[in-house]
Structures are given as structure tokens and as C-alpha cells.
């Protein structure tokens, strides 16, 4: 009984706070003015995209190399365990090898998705 009263009290307090805050309606002209000032702030900015692209390409190459190394080590370890296991353990390891294959697809698929995205937005 006390928990129901406590929950009801919390709901009443939250609703009271939500409805006590005055709402300010924005007109279309004020929103358009704010949008124009936002765009004008970024108009003079010059971004060196080639430098930014090379920095991210280096970071992507490093992360892909680390991911490929970890996948290589994990695959070798799981392969050795698979060949040395009894049939019951081999069945269990097969499910783990499926997860390893999915991880490989994610690591190398992320690089492909990143290159595709950069290629699409570079043409814009």
C-alpha cells in the first residue's frame, strides 16, 4: 500500500514540474532567423578536408590492423583447441567459431562501409 502511494506521489510531482514550466511558442520567422544566423556563423570557416581525411585514414588503418591481428591470434587459438578437443567440445567450439567469423565480417565490413561513405560524401 505504501509503495502505491509513493509511486502516485512521484507521478504527481513529475507531472506538476512538467506542467509548471512555461512553454514558449516559436514563430516561423524567429526559427528562420535563428537558422540564418547559424548558417552565417559557419560560412567563413575553412576546413582542410585533405588533412582530416589522411588523419582518419591512418586511424582506420591502425584499427583494422589491430583487429586483423586479434582475429588471426583468436583463429589460431580456436583452431588448435578444435583439433585437440573431443567431439563434444568440438561441437561447442563450432558455435564459438561462428562468432569469430561474424567478428571478422564486422571488422573488415566496417572498413568497406567507411570507404563507401567517404566516397559518397566526397562527391557532394
N, C-alpha and C. Protein backbone atom coordinates (compact mmCIF):
# COMPACT_ATOMS: atom_id res chain seq x y z
N UNK A 1 0.82 -1.19 0.00
CA UNK A 1 0.00 0.00 0.00
C UNK A 1 0.86 1.25 0.00
N UNK A 2 1.93 1.22 0.80
CA UNK A 2 2.80 2.39 0.88
C UNK A 2 3.53 2.63 -0.44
N UNK A 3 3.89 1.55 -1.14
CA UNK A 3 4.61 1.73 -2.40
C UNK A 3 3.69 2.34 -3.47
N UNK A 4 2.41 1.98 -3.45
CA UNK A 4 1.47 2.58 -4.42
C UNK A 4 1.32 4.06 -4.16
N UNK A 5 1.23 4.44 -2.89
CA UNK A 5 1.11 5.86 -2.55
C UNK A 5 2.38 6.59 -2.94
N UNK A 6 3.53 5.97 -2.69
CA UNK A 6 4.81 6.57 -3.03
C UNK A 6 4.93 6.77 -4.54
N UNK A 7 4.56 5.77 -5.32
CA UNK A 7 4.61 5.88 -6.78
C UNK A 7 3.66 6.96 -7.28
N UNK A 8 2.47 7.03 -6.70
CA UNK A 8 1.49 8.05 -7.09
C UNK A 8 2.02 9.43 -6.77
N UNK A 9 2.66 9.59 -5.62
CA UNK A 9 3.23 10.87 -5.23
C UNK A 9 4.33 11.29 -6.20
N UNK A 10 5.17 10.35 -6.61
CA UNK A 10 6.24 10.66 -7.57
C UNK A 10 5.66 11.09 -8.91
N UNK A 11 4.63 10.40 -9.38
CA UNK A 11 3.98 10.75 -10.64
C UNK A 11 3.37 12.14 -10.56
N UNK A 12 2.72 12.46 -9.44
CA UNK A 12 2.11 13.78 -9.27
C UNK A 12 3.18 14.86 -9.26
N UNK A 13 4.31 14.61 -8.60
CA UNK A 13 5.38 15.60 -8.56
C UNK A 13 5.97 15.81 -9.95
N UNK A 14 6.21 14.73 -10.68
CA UNK A 14 6.77 14.86 -12.03
C UNK A 14 5.81 15.60 -12.95
N UNK A 15 4.53 15.28 -12.88
CA UNK A 15 3.56 15.98 -13.71
C UNK A 15 3.44 17.45 -13.31
N UNK A 16 3.52 17.72 -12.02
CA UNK A 16 3.47 19.11 -11.56
C UNK A 16 4.64 19.91 -12.07
N UNK A 17 5.83 19.31 -12.07
CA UNK A 17 7.01 20.00 -12.58
C UNK A 17 6.90 20.19 -14.09
N UNK A 18 6.42 19.18 -14.78
CA UNK A 18 6.31 19.27 -16.24
C UNK A 18 5.33 20.34 -16.68
N UNK A 19 4.21 20.48 -15.97
CA UNK A 19 3.21 21.46 -16.37
C UNK A 19 3.45 22.84 -15.79
N UNK A 20 4.40 22.98 -14.86
CA UNK A 20 4.66 24.30 -14.29
C UNK A 20 5.66 25.09 -15.11
N UNK A 21 6.40 24.43 -16.00
CA UNK A 21 7.36 25.12 -16.85
C UNK A 21 6.59 25.80 -17.97
N UNK A 22 6.75 27.13 -18.11
CA UNK A 22 6.02 27.82 -19.16
C UNK A 22 6.56 27.46 -20.54
N UNK A 23 5.67 27.23 -21.46
CA UNK A 23 6.06 26.88 -22.83
C UNK A 23 6.14 28.15 -23.65
N UNK A 24 7.20 28.24 -24.45
CA UNK A 24 7.37 29.39 -25.33
C UNK A 24 7.21 28.91 -26.76
N UNK A 25 6.24 29.43 -27.44
CA UNK A 25 6.00 29.04 -28.82
C UNK A 25 6.91 29.86 -29.73
N UNK A 26 7.51 29.19 -30.70
CA UNK A 26 8.38 29.86 -31.65
C UNK A 26 7.61 30.07 -32.94
N UNK A 27 7.79 31.24 -33.51
CA UNK A 27 7.16 31.52 -34.79
C UNK A 27 8.09 31.09 -35.91
N UNK A 28 7.54 30.99 -37.11
CA UNK A 28 8.35 30.59 -38.25
C UNK A 28 9.42 31.62 -38.57
N UNK A 29 9.11 32.88 -38.41
CA UNK A 29 10.11 33.91 -38.71
C UNK A 29 11.26 33.87 -37.71
N UNK A 30 10.97 33.61 -36.44
CA UNK A 30 12.06 33.54 -35.47
C UNK A 30 12.93 32.30 -35.71
N UNK A 31 12.30 31.19 -36.10
CA UNK A 31 13.08 29.99 -36.41
C UNK A 31 13.94 30.21 -37.66
N UNK A 32 13.40 30.90 -38.67
CA UNK A 32 14.16 31.17 -39.88
C UNK A 32 15.32 32.10 -39.58
N UNK A 33 15.11 33.08 -38.72
CA UNK A 33 16.19 33.99 -38.33
C UNK A 33 17.30 33.26 -37.60
N UNK A 34 16.93 32.37 -36.69
CA UNK A 34 17.94 31.60 -35.97
C UNK A 34 18.70 30.68 -36.91
N UNK A 35 18.02 30.12 -37.89
CA UNK A 35 18.69 29.25 -38.86
C UNK A 35 19.67 30.05 -39.71
N UNK A 36 19.30 31.27 -40.12
CA UNK A 36 20.19 32.09 -40.92
C UNK A 36 21.43 32.51 -40.13
N UNK A 37 21.27 32.84 -38.86
CA UNK A 37 22.44 33.19 -38.05
C UNK A 37 23.35 31.99 -37.83
N UNK A 38 22.76 30.81 -37.69
CA UNK A 38 23.55 29.59 -37.54
C UNK A 38 24.38 29.34 -38.80
N UNK A 39 23.76 29.49 -39.97
CA UNK A 39 24.47 29.26 -41.22
C UNK A 39 25.53 30.32 -41.46
N UNK A 40 25.27 31.55 -41.06
CA UNK A 40 26.25 32.61 -41.27
C UNK A 40 27.47 32.44 -40.38
N UNK A 41 27.33 31.81 -39.23
CA UNK A 41 28.49 31.56 -38.36
C UNK A 41 29.46 30.58 -39.01
N UNK A 42 28.96 29.63 -39.77
CA UNK A 42 29.83 28.64 -40.40
C UNK A 42 30.27 29.01 -41.79
N UNK A 43 29.81 30.12 -42.33
CA UNK A 43 30.12 30.49 -43.71
C UNK A 43 31.59 30.82 -43.89
N UNK A 44 32.23 31.45 -42.91
CA UNK A 44 33.62 31.86 -43.05
C UNK A 44 34.61 30.80 -42.65
N UNK A 45 34.16 29.70 -42.12
CA UNK A 45 35.08 28.66 -41.65
C UNK A 45 35.66 27.89 -42.82
N UNK A 46 36.96 27.66 -42.78
CA UNK A 46 37.63 26.90 -43.82
C UNK A 46 38.19 25.62 -43.19
N UNK A 47 37.72 24.49 -43.65
CA UNK A 47 38.14 23.21 -43.11
C UNK A 47 39.03 22.53 -44.11
N UNK A 48 40.21 22.09 -43.67
CA UNK A 48 41.15 21.39 -44.52
C UNK A 48 40.74 19.92 -44.56
N UNK A 49 39.96 19.55 -45.56
CA UNK A 49 39.42 18.19 -45.62
C UNK A 49 40.48 17.16 -45.97
N UNK A 50 41.50 17.55 -46.73
CA UNK A 50 42.53 16.57 -47.09
C UNK A 50 43.33 16.14 -45.86
N UNK A 51 43.63 17.08 -44.98
CA UNK A 51 44.35 16.74 -43.74
C UNK A 51 43.48 15.87 -42.85
N UNK A 52 42.21 16.22 -42.76
CA UNK A 52 41.28 15.45 -41.94
C UNK A 52 41.12 14.04 -42.49
N UNK A 53 41.07 13.91 -43.80
CA UNK A 53 40.92 12.60 -44.44
C UNK A 53 42.13 11.72 -44.19
N UNK A 54 43.33 12.29 -44.28
CA UNK A 54 44.53 11.48 -44.05
C UNK A 54 44.63 11.04 -42.59
N UNK A 55 44.23 11.91 -41.66
CA UNK A 55 44.28 11.53 -40.24
C UNK A 55 43.31 10.39 -39.94
N UNK A 56 42.11 10.46 -40.48
CA UNK A 56 41.14 9.39 -40.25
C UNK A 56 41.52 8.12 -41.00
N UNK A 57 42.14 8.25 -42.16
CA UNK A 57 42.59 7.06 -42.90
C UNK A 57 43.67 6.34 -42.11
N UNK A 58 44.59 7.11 -41.50
CA UNK A 58 45.63 6.49 -40.68
C UNK A 58 45.03 5.79 -39.47
N UNK A 59 44.07 6.42 -38.84
CA UNK A 59 43.41 5.82 -37.68
C UNK A 59 42.67 4.55 -38.08
N UNK A 60 41.98 4.58 -39.20
CA UNK A 60 41.27 3.40 -39.69
C UNK A 60 42.21 2.26 -40.02
N UNK A 61 43.36 2.58 -40.61
CA UNK A 61 44.34 1.54 -40.93
C UNK A 61 44.91 0.91 -39.67
N UNK A 62 45.17 1.74 -38.66
CA UNK A 62 45.69 1.22 -37.39
C UNK A 62 44.67 0.30 -36.73
N UNK A 63 43.43 0.74 -36.67
CA UNK A 63 42.40 -0.07 -36.03
C UNK A 63 42.13 -1.37 -36.80
N UNK A 64 42.17 -1.29 -38.12
CA UNK A 64 41.98 -2.50 -38.92
C UNK A 64 43.12 -3.48 -38.72
N UNK A 65 44.34 -2.98 -38.64
CA UNK A 65 45.50 -3.84 -38.40
C UNK A 65 45.41 -4.51 -37.04
N UNK A 66 45.01 -3.75 -36.02
CA UNK A 66 44.85 -4.33 -34.68
C UNK A 66 43.76 -5.39 -34.70
N UNK A 67 42.64 -5.08 -35.34
CA UNK A 67 41.54 -6.05 -35.42
C UNK A 67 41.93 -7.30 -36.17
N UNK A 68 42.67 -7.15 -37.26
CA UNK A 68 43.10 -8.31 -38.04
C UNK A 68 44.08 -9.16 -37.24
N UNK A 69 44.97 -8.52 -36.50
CA UNK A 69 45.91 -9.27 -35.66
C UNK A 69 45.21 -10.06 -34.57
N UNK A 70 44.25 -9.42 -33.92
CA UNK A 70 43.48 -10.11 -32.88
C UNK A 70 42.69 -11.27 -33.49
N UNK A 71 42.10 -11.05 -34.65
CA UNK A 71 41.37 -12.14 -35.32
C UNK A 71 42.29 -13.29 -35.70
N UNK A 72 43.50 -12.99 -36.14
CA UNK A 72 44.45 -14.03 -36.51
C UNK A 72 44.84 -14.86 -35.28
N UNK A 73 45.14 -14.18 -34.19
CA UNK A 73 45.52 -14.88 -32.96
C UNK A 73 44.35 -15.72 -32.44
N UNK A 74 43.16 -15.14 -32.42
CA UNK A 74 41.98 -15.87 -31.93
C UNK A 74 41.66 -17.06 -32.81
N UNK A 75 41.81 -16.92 -34.13
CA UNK A 75 41.54 -18.03 -35.04
C UNK A 75 42.54 -19.16 -34.83
N UNK A 76 43.81 -18.82 -34.67
CA UNK A 76 44.83 -19.85 -34.44
C UNK A 76 44.56 -20.57 -33.12
N UNK A 77 44.24 -19.82 -32.09
CA UNK A 77 43.97 -20.42 -30.78
C UNK A 77 42.74 -21.34 -30.83
N UNK A 78 41.67 -20.84 -31.45
CA UNK A 78 40.45 -21.65 -31.55
C UNK A 78 40.68 -22.88 -32.43
N UNK A 79 41.48 -22.76 -33.49
CA UNK A 79 41.77 -23.89 -34.36
C UNK A 79 42.55 -24.97 -33.63
N UNK A 80 43.54 -24.57 -32.86
CA UNK A 80 44.32 -25.54 -32.09
C UNK A 80 43.43 -26.24 -31.07
N UNK A 81 42.59 -25.46 -30.39
CA UNK A 81 41.68 -26.07 -29.42
C UNK A 81 40.69 -27.02 -30.10
N UNK A 82 40.26 -26.68 -31.31
CA UNK A 82 39.31 -27.52 -32.03
C UNK A 82 39.93 -28.86 -32.40
N UNK A 83 41.16 -28.84 -32.89
CA UNK A 83 41.80 -30.08 -33.30
C UNK A 83 42.18 -30.98 -32.13
N UNK A 84 42.36 -30.39 -30.97
CA UNK A 84 42.75 -31.18 -29.80
C UNK A 84 41.56 -31.59 -28.94
N UNK A 85 40.37 -31.16 -29.28
CA UNK A 85 39.20 -31.42 -28.45
C UNK A 85 38.52 -32.72 -28.83
N UNK A 86 37.72 -33.22 -27.88
CA UNK A 86 36.90 -34.39 -28.18
C UNK A 86 35.65 -33.94 -28.95
N UNK A 87 34.87 -34.84 -29.51
CA UNK A 87 33.73 -34.44 -30.36
C UNK A 87 32.71 -33.54 -29.64
N UNK A 88 32.53 -33.75 -28.36
CA UNK A 88 31.57 -32.91 -27.63
C UNK A 88 32.06 -31.47 -27.53
N UNK A 89 33.34 -31.31 -27.25
CA UNK A 89 33.92 -29.96 -27.18
C UNK A 89 34.02 -29.34 -28.57
N UNK A 90 34.22 -30.18 -29.60
CA UNK A 90 34.28 -29.64 -30.96
C UNK A 90 32.96 -29.01 -31.35
N UNK A 91 31.86 -29.60 -30.94
CA UNK A 91 30.55 -29.04 -31.25
C UNK A 91 30.37 -27.68 -30.58
N UNK A 92 30.86 -27.58 -29.35
CA UNK A 92 30.77 -26.31 -28.63
C UNK A 92 31.67 -25.26 -29.28
N UNK A 93 32.85 -25.68 -29.71
CA UNK A 93 33.78 -24.74 -30.33
C UNK A 93 33.30 -24.27 -31.70
N UNK A 94 32.52 -25.09 -32.39
CA UNK A 94 31.98 -24.66 -33.69
C UNK A 94 31.10 -23.43 -33.54
N UNK A 95 30.31 -23.39 -32.48
CA UNK A 95 29.46 -22.21 -32.26
C UNK A 95 30.31 -20.98 -31.97
N UNK A 96 31.43 -21.18 -31.26
CA UNK A 96 32.32 -20.05 -31.00
C UNK A 96 33.03 -19.61 -32.27
N UNK A 97 33.32 -20.56 -33.15
CA UNK A 97 33.96 -20.20 -34.42
C UNK A 97 33.01 -19.40 -35.32
N UNK A 98 31.73 -19.65 -35.19
CA UNK A 98 30.75 -18.85 -35.94
C UNK A 98 30.81 -17.39 -35.46
N UNK A 99 30.91 -17.21 -34.15
CA UNK A 99 31.06 -15.85 -33.61
C UNK A 99 32.34 -15.19 -34.07
N UNK A 100 33.39 -15.96 -34.21
CA UNK A 100 34.66 -15.44 -34.71
C UNK A 100 34.53 -15.00 -36.17
N UNK A 101 33.82 -15.78 -36.96
CA UNK A 101 33.60 -15.41 -38.36
C UNK A 101 32.76 -14.14 -38.47
N UNK A 102 31.76 -14.02 -37.62
CA UNK A 102 30.94 -12.80 -37.62
C UNK A 102 31.80 -11.60 -37.23
N UNK A 103 32.70 -11.78 -36.27
CA UNK A 103 33.60 -10.70 -35.87
C UNK A 103 34.49 -10.27 -37.03
N UNK A 104 34.96 -11.22 -37.80
CA UNK A 104 35.80 -10.89 -38.96
C UNK A 104 35.00 -10.08 -39.98
N UNK A 105 33.77 -10.46 -40.21
CA UNK A 105 32.92 -9.72 -41.14
C UNK A 105 32.70 -8.29 -40.64
N UNK A 106 32.50 -8.14 -39.35
CA UNK A 106 32.29 -6.80 -38.78
C UNK A 106 33.54 -5.94 -38.93
N UNK A 107 34.71 -6.50 -38.61
CA UNK A 107 35.96 -5.72 -38.68
C UNK A 107 36.23 -5.26 -40.10
N UNK A 108 36.18 -6.18 -41.05
CA UNK A 108 36.50 -5.80 -42.42
C UNK A 108 35.33 -5.14 -43.13
N UNK A 109 34.11 -5.41 -42.70
CA UNK A 109 32.95 -4.74 -43.27
C UNK A 109 32.89 -3.28 -42.86
N UNK A 110 33.36 -2.97 -41.65
CA UNK A 110 33.37 -1.58 -41.20
C UNK A 110 34.28 -0.73 -42.07
N UNK A 111 35.39 -1.29 -42.46
CA UNK A 111 36.31 -0.56 -43.34
C UNK A 111 35.65 -0.31 -44.70
N UNK A 112 34.98 -1.31 -45.21
CA UNK A 112 34.31 -1.14 -46.51
C UNK A 112 33.19 -0.11 -46.43
N UNK A 113 32.42 -0.15 -45.36
CA UNK A 113 31.34 0.83 -45.18
C UNK A 113 31.92 2.23 -45.04
N UNK A 114 33.04 2.37 -44.31
CA UNK A 114 33.67 3.68 -44.15
C UNK A 114 34.16 4.21 -45.50
N UNK A 115 34.81 3.36 -46.29
CA UNK A 115 35.30 3.81 -47.60
C UNK A 115 34.15 4.19 -48.53
N UNK A 116 33.07 3.44 -48.48
CA UNK A 116 31.90 3.75 -49.30
C UNK A 116 31.30 5.09 -48.88
N UNK A 117 31.19 5.31 -47.58
CA UNK A 117 30.62 6.55 -47.07
C UNK A 117 31.50 7.75 -47.45
N UNK A 118 32.80 7.62 -47.29
CA UNK A 118 33.72 8.71 -47.66
C UNK A 118 33.61 8.98 -49.16
N UNK A 119 33.54 7.93 -49.96
CA UNK A 119 33.42 8.12 -51.41
C UNK A 119 32.13 8.82 -51.81
N UNK A 120 31.05 8.50 -51.13
CA UNK A 120 29.76 9.15 -51.46
C UNK A 120 29.79 10.61 -51.07
N UNK A 121 30.27 10.92 -49.86
CA UNK A 121 30.23 12.30 -49.40
C UNK A 121 31.33 13.15 -50.00
N UNK A 122 32.38 12.52 -50.55
CA UNK A 122 33.44 13.27 -51.20
C UNK A 122 32.95 13.88 -52.51
N UNK A 123 32.02 13.19 -53.16
CA UNK A 123 31.50 13.69 -54.43
C UNK A 123 30.50 14.82 -54.27
N UNK A 124 30.00 15.01 -53.07
CA UNK A 124 28.98 16.06 -52.85
C UNK A 124 29.57 17.44 -52.84
